[in-house]
Protein backbone atom coordinates (compact mmCIF):
# COMPACT_ATOMS: atom_id res chain seq x y z
CA UNK A 1 4.48 -20.90 -4.68
CA UNK A 2 1.50 -18.67 -3.78
CA UNK A 3 1.85 -14.92 -3.45
CA UNK A 4 2.33 -13.32 -0.03
CA UNK A 5 0.68 -10.06 1.00
CA UNK A 6 2.27 -7.93 3.74
CA UNK A 7 0.12 -5.14 5.17
CA UNK A 8 1.75 -2.31 7.08
CA UNK A 9 4.61 -2.44 4.58
CA UNK A 10 5.65 1.11 5.42
CA UNK A 11 6.50 0.13 8.99
CA UNK A 12 9.71 -1.16 10.52
CA UNK A 13 8.79 -4.85 10.44
CA UNK A 14 6.58 -4.83 7.34
CA UNK A 15 9.21 -3.17 5.17
CA UNK A 16 11.82 -5.70 6.28
CA UNK A 17 9.56 -8.67 5.54
CA UNK A 18 8.77 -7.43 2.03
CA UNK A 19 12.40 -6.76 1.16
CA UNK A 20 13.94 -9.86 2.75
CA UNK A 21 11.35 -12.28 1.38
CA UNK A 22 11.50 -10.80 -2.10
CA UNK A 23 15.28 -11.11 -1.95
CA UNK A 24 14.81 -14.77 -0.96
CA UNK A 25 12.84 -15.33 -4.16
CA UNK A 26 9.31 -15.25 -2.78
CA UNK A 27 6.47 -13.42 -4.53
CA UNK A 28 5.62 -10.64 -2.06
CA UNK A 29 3.43 -7.57 -2.41
CA UNK A 30 3.50 -4.90 0.28
CA UNK A 31 0.55 -2.66 1.07
CA UNK A 32 1.22 0.58 2.93
CA UNK A 33 -1.41 2.63 4.69
CA UNK A 34 -2.23 4.59 1.56
CA UNK A 35 -3.08 1.41 -0.36
CA UNK A 36 -4.72 -0.40 2.54
CA UNK A 37 -6.00 1.53 5.58
CA UNK A 38 -7.23 -0.64 8.45
CA UNK A 39 -9.59 2.16 9.46
CA UNK A 40 -11.46 1.78 6.16
CA UNK A 41 -12.99 -1.72 5.82
CA UNK A 42 -14.41 -1.20 2.34
CA UNK A 43 -11.07 0.03 1.00
CA UNK A 44 -9.45 -3.05 2.54
CA UNK A 45 -11.90 -5.35 0.81
CA UNK A 46 -11.51 -3.64 -2.58
CA UNK A 47 -7.72 -3.72 -2.38
CA UNK A 48 -7.43 -7.36 -1.37
CA UNK A 49 -10.29 -8.95 -3.28
CA UNK A 50 -8.60 -7.86 -6.53
CA UNK A 51 -5.41 -9.79 -5.68
CA UNK A 52 -4.72 -13.52 -5.59
CA UNK A 53 -2.57 -14.65 -2.67
CA UNK A 54 -1.95 -17.61 -0.38
CA UNK A 55 -0.76 -15.91 2.80
CA UNK A 56 -1.38 -12.49 4.33
CA UNK A 57 0.88 -11.16 7.10
CA UNK A 58 -0.66 -8.20 8.88
CA UNK A 59 1.93 -5.84 10.35
CA UNK A 60 -0.42 -2.84 10.31
CA UNK A 61 -1.72 -1.63 13.69
CA UNK A 62 -2.22 1.31 15.99
CA UNK A 63 0.92 0.85 18.10
CA UNK A 64 0.93 4.12 20.03
CA UNK A 65 0.27 2.71 23.48
CA UNK A 66 -0.88 5.98 25.03
CA UNK A 67 -3.07 6.94 22.07
CA UNK A 68 -4.81 3.58 22.39
CA UNK A 69 -5.59 4.47 26.00
CA UNK A 70 -7.27 7.76 25.05
CA UNK A 71 -8.73 6.69 21.66
CA UNK A 72 -10.14 3.32 22.65
CA UNK A 73 -12.70 2.96 19.88
CA UNK A 74 -10.06 3.68 17.25
CA UNK A 75 -7.70 1.14 18.81
CA UNK A 76 -10.36 -1.57 18.76
CA UNK A 77 -11.39 -0.77 15.17
CA UNK A 78 -7.81 -1.01 13.88
CA UNK A 79 -6.28 -3.66 16.13
CA UNK A 80 -9.25 -6.02 16.37
CA UNK A 81 -12.20 -5.31 14.04
CA UNK A 82 -9.98 -4.77 10.99
CA UNK A 83 -8.03 -7.92 11.82
CA UNK A 84 -11.24 -9.94 11.74
CA UNK A 85 -12.05 -8.42 8.35
CA UNK A 86 -8.61 -9.37 7.03
CA UNK A 87 -9.00 -12.90 8.35
CA UNK A 88 -12.43 -13.22 6.73
CA UNK A 89 -11.07 -12.03 3.37
CA UNK A 90 -8.28 -14.59 3.67
CA UNK A 91 -10.74 -17.38 4.52
CA UNK A 92 -12.83 -16.56 1.46
CA UNK A 93 -9.70 -16.90 -0.68
CA UNK A 94 -8.48 -20.04 1.06
CA UNK A 95 -5.46 -18.09 2.31
CA UNK A 96 -3.63 -18.18 5.64
CA UNK A 97 -3.69 -15.07 7.85
CA UNK A 98 -0.71 -14.28 10.09
CA UNK A 99 -1.38 -11.52 12.60
CA UNK A 100 1.55 -9.69 14.20
CA UNK A 101 0.79 -9.17 17.88
CA UNK A 102 2.64 -8.01 20.98
CA UNK A 103 4.06 -8.94 24.38
CA UNK A 104 1.76 -6.27 25.86
CA UNK A 105 -1.00 -8.89 26.08
CA UNK A 106 0.67 -9.94 29.36
CA UNK A 107 0.46 -8.14 32.71
CA UNK A 108 4.20 -8.50 33.32
CA UNK A 109 3.86 -10.09 36.76
CA UNK A 110 5.69 -13.30 35.84
CA UNK A 111 9.38 -13.52 36.74
CA UNK A 112 10.32 -16.10 34.09
CA UNK A 113 9.82 -15.91 30.31
CA UNK A 114 6.23 -16.14 29.10
CA UNK A 115 5.18 -19.10 26.98
CA UNK A 116 2.28 -19.27 24.56
CA UNK A 117 0.29 -21.22 27.16
CA UNK A 118 0.54 -18.57 29.89
CA UNK A 119 -2.62 -16.64 30.85
CA UNK A 120 -3.16 -13.40 28.97
CA UNK A 121 -3.98 -10.41 31.19
CA UNK A 122 -3.46 -7.09 29.36
CA UNK A 123 -3.20 -4.01 31.60
CA UNK A 124 -3.55 -1.37 28.86
CA UNK A 125 -6.13 -0.79 26.17
CA UNK A 126 -3.39 -1.31 23.59
CA UNK A 127 -2.84 -4.79 25.05
CA UNK A 128 -6.60 -5.42 25.18
CA UNK A 129 -7.09 -4.40 21.56
CA UNK A 130 -4.17 -6.51 20.34
CA UNK A 131 -5.46 -9.51 22.30
CA UNK A 132 -8.87 -9.00 20.71
CA UNK A 133 -7.10 -9.07 17.34
CA UNK A 134 -5.42 -12.36 18.23
CA UNK A 135 -8.75 -13.89 19.20
CA UNK A 136 -10.40 -12.59 16.05
CA UNK A 137 -7.84 -14.05 13.66
CA UNK A 138 -7.80 -17.41 15.46
CA UNK A 139 -11.60 -17.63 15.65
CA UNK A 140 -11.93 -17.21 11.88
CA UNK A 141 -9.62 -20.18 11.14
CA UNK A 142 -7.60 -22.70 13.14
CA UNK A 143 -4.97 -22.42 10.41
CA UNK A 144 -4.26 -18.77 11.22
CA UNK A 145 -1.35 -17.64 13.36
CA UNK A 146 -0.90 -14.85 15.92
CA UNK A 147 2.78 -13.96 16.22
CA UNK A 148 3.90 -11.95 19.26
CA UNK A 149 6.97 -9.73 18.89
CA UNK A 150 8.60 -7.23 21.24
CA UNK A 151 10.96 -4.21 21.12
CA UNK A 152 11.30 -4.33 17.35
CA UNK A 153 14.36 -2.67 15.78
CA UNK A 154 15.77 -2.64 12.28
CA UNK A 155 17.03 -0.53 9.38
CA UNK A 156 13.76 0.64 7.86
CA UNK A 157 12.54 3.03 10.54
CA UNK A 158 14.29 4.48 13.61
CA UNK A 159 13.72 2.71 16.92
CA UNK A 160 15.02 2.92 20.49
CA UNK A 161 18.48 1.76 19.37
CA UNK A 162 18.81 4.54 16.79
CA UNK A 163 17.42 7.12 19.18
CA UNK A 164 19.75 6.45 22.06
CA UNK A 165 22.84 6.38 19.82
CA UNK A 166 21.75 9.63 18.16
CA UNK A 167 21.29 11.28 21.57
CA UNK A 168 24.66 10.00 22.79
CA UNK A 169 26.36 11.68 19.81
CA UNK A 170 25.28 15.14 20.98
CA UNK A 171 24.36 14.87 24.68
CA UNK A 172 26.60 14.38 27.71
CA UNK A 173 24.00 12.31 29.56
CA UNK A 174 21.48 9.72 28.39
CA UNK A 175 19.08 7.60 30.42
CA UNK A 176 16.71 4.67 29.91
CA UNK A 177 14.23 2.68 31.96
CA UNK A 178 15.87 0.12 34.24
CA UNK A 179 12.76 -1.57 35.69
CA UNK A 180 11.13 -2.93 32.53
CA UNK A 181 12.30 -6.19 30.95
CA UNK A 182 11.59 -7.69 27.52
CA UNK A 183 13.43 -9.11 24.50
CA UNK A 184 14.55 -7.07 21.46
CA UNK A 185 13.45 -8.38 18.05
CA UNK A 186 15.67 -7.62 15.04
CA UNK A 187 13.53 -7.30 11.92
CA UNK A 188 16.03 -9.11 9.68
CA UNK A 189 16.07 -12.04 12.10
CA UNK A 190 12.28 -11.91 12.33
CA UNK A 191 12.04 -12.26 8.55
CA UNK A 192 14.18 -15.40 8.64
CA UNK A 193 12.42 -16.87 11.68
CA UNK A 194 8.91 -16.25 10.33
CA UNK A 195 9.59 -17.45 6.77
CA UNK A 196 9.06 -21.20 7.50
CA UNK A 197 5.59 -20.43 8.88
CA UNK A 198 4.39 -19.06 5.56
CA UNK A 199 4.14 -22.48 3.87
CA UNK A 200 6.46 -25.13 5.33
CA UNK A 201 5.17 -25.13 8.94
CA UNK A 202 1.46 -24.35 8.56
CA UNK A 203 0.57 -24.63 12.26
CA UNK A 204 -2.03 -22.33 13.77
CA UNK A 205 -2.38 -20.71 17.15
CA UNK A 206 0.00 -18.38 18.97
CA UNK A 207 3.74 -18.09 18.40
CA UNK A 208 6.38 -16.06 20.25
CA UNK A 209 9.02 -14.63 17.92
CA UNK A 210 11.94 -12.56 19.20
CA UNK A 211 15.67 -12.82 19.72
CA UNK A 212 17.23 -14.79 22.58
CA UNK A 213 17.84 -13.57 26.11
CA UNK A 214 16.22 -10.58 27.82
CA UNK A 215 17.21 -7.14 29.10
CA UNK A 216 16.00 -3.86 30.52
CA UNK A 217 15.78 -0.74 28.37
CA UNK A 218 18.90 0.51 30.19
CA UNK A 219 20.86 -2.66 29.38
CA UNK A 220 19.61 -2.56 25.81
CA UNK A 221 20.73 1.04 25.42
CA UNK A 222 24.06 0.48 27.14
CA UNK A 223 24.93 -2.39 24.84
CA UNK A 224 23.97 -0.30 21.82
CA UNK A 225 26.35 2.46 22.98
CA UNK A 226 29.11 -0.07 23.64
CA UNK A 227 28.72 -1.37 20.08
CA UNK A 228 28.70 2.19 18.70
CA UNK A 229 31.97 2.96 20.50
CA UNK A 230 33.42 -0.31 19.20
CA UNK A 231 32.40 0.79 15.69
CA UNK A 232 34.29 4.07 16.11
CA UNK A 233 31.37 6.45 16.60
CA UNK A 234 32.35 9.67 18.47
CA UNK A 235 29.88 9.49 21.33
CA UNK A 236 29.71 12.20 23.97
CA UNK A 237 27.82 9.93 26.35
CA UNK A 238 29.05 6.38 26.83
CA UNK A 239 26.97 5.36 29.84
CA UNK A 240 23.20 4.96 30.05
CA UNK A 241 21.83 6.07 33.39
CA UNK A 242 18.82 4.40 35.06
CA UNK A 243 15.23 5.65 35.04
CA UNK A 244 12.15 4.16 36.64
CA UNK A 245 8.87 3.81 34.77
CA UNK A 246 7.32 6.07 37.41
CA UNK A 247 9.80 8.80 36.39
CA UNK A 248 8.14 9.11 32.99
CA UNK A 249 5.15 11.27 33.83
CA UNK A 250 4.09 11.51 30.18
CA UNK A 251 3.02 7.85 30.19
CA UNK A 252 -0.77 7.48 30.16
CA UNK A 253 -1.14 3.72 29.81
CA UNK A 254 0.30 1.19 32.22
CA UNK A 255 3.29 -0.76 30.95
CA UNK A 256 3.88 -4.39 32.00
CA UNK A 257 7.20 -4.63 33.88
CA UNK A 258 8.43 -8.00 32.59
CA UNK A 259 7.33 -9.40 29.23
CA UNK A 260 10.32 -11.51 28.24
CA UNK A 261 9.02 -14.29 25.98
CA UNK A 262 10.19 -17.85 25.47
CA UNK A 263 10.75 -18.99 21.88
CA UNK A 264 10.81 -22.71 22.76
CA UNK A 265 7.76 -23.42 20.59
CA UNK A 266 9.38 -21.77 17.58
CA UNK A 267 12.52 -23.86 18.11
CA UNK A 268 10.49 -27.05 18.55
CA UNK A 269 8.65 -26.44 15.28
CA UNK A 270 11.62 -25.31 13.16
CA UNK A 271 14.75 -26.54 14.93
CA UNK A 272 16.07 -22.96 14.91
CA UNK A 273 17.28 -21.17 18.05
CA UNK A 274 17.01 -17.38 17.67
CA UNK A 275 20.39 -15.74 18.25
CA UNK A 276 20.96 -13.63 21.35
CA UNK A 277 19.73 -10.05 21.13
CA UNK A 278 23.29 -8.78 21.69
CA UNK A 279 24.54 -10.41 18.50
CA UNK A 280 21.69 -8.83 16.56
CA UNK A 281 22.29 -5.36 18.05
CA UNK A 282 26.01 -5.57 17.33
CA UNK A 283 25.34 -6.47 13.70
CA UNK A 284 22.74 -3.73 13.34
CA UNK A 285 25.01 -1.03 14.77
CA UNK A 286 27.95 -2.12 12.61
CA UNK A 287 26.02 -2.46 9.34
CA UNK A 288 23.27 0.14 9.58
CA UNK A 289 24.01 2.75 12.25
CA UNK A 290 27.77 3.29 12.12
CA UNK A 291 28.06 3.11 8.31
CA UNK A 292 30.49 5.75 7.07
CA UNK A 293 29.47 7.85 4.04
C-alpha cells in the first residue's frame, strides 16, 4: 500500500492521524512545521519531492481566527496558496491530496445541520482563507478531498475540554459560551472515520467529518465536568455558567453562531455512523484527562 504523508503532524489532529494510522499498520510519515513550513513554498517542494507517497493529508494551517483577521495576507498564503502548492505536488506524483478544512466556511445562519451541498458564506477572513484552500485543492484534481472538521479535541495537544477541566480544578466559577453551536470532533474517532478515504473510498469533493449530535460550548464544557466528576477528579467548580459571544470583547473576527454539520454523506459512503460526541468526551476524560499517576 502506498505511503501516506501527514503535514501539520505536530498539531492535535495531525499527531493523532500519524500515530493511529501507523498503529493500524499503514506506512505514514509526519511532517511538522520545522520539516515542512507552509509559509515557505520552496522548502515544501524540496521536502516532498524527495519522498514517494500515494496520499497527502494536510492538517497544517493558520487556525488562529483573530490573527487571520489582522494578518490577512499571511492567512491566505498559508491556508490557500500553500494548499494549492501541495495539491500541485501531489498531482505531479499521481497522489491524492486531502485538505483538512473547517465549519467556519459557513455563516452560521442555518438552524439545522449543514450538509456538503449548502451554500458557503464565510464571515471571517479565517473562513474565507480556508474556503479558498478548499477551492484550490479541488480545482487541481477532482480526486482530491476537502474534509471539514469542528471543535477538535484529543490527547496530543490541550483543547477546550482540557482547559475547562483544568480551570474547574482550581477555580470556584467557570463559564463558556452558550449561544454558539457546533459538533465536537474527537481526533481518535477522526482517524478511524477518515481512514477509508485514503484508499478504499477514493471519492473527491467535500466531506463533513465530526462526531454525532451538536452542542453549545457551555453544554460541551458541562458534560466534560460531569465526566470528570464521574472519574473522581476533585473539581472546585462543577457547573459551567453561560456567556454570550458578545461578552468576549477580545474577539476580533466574527464567529458563526451555528455550524453543526451533518455526516450523512460520510455514512452513505462508508456505512459508519459517527458516535455521539458525549461518548467520545466521556472516553477522552476517562482515558486521557483523569488518568492517575
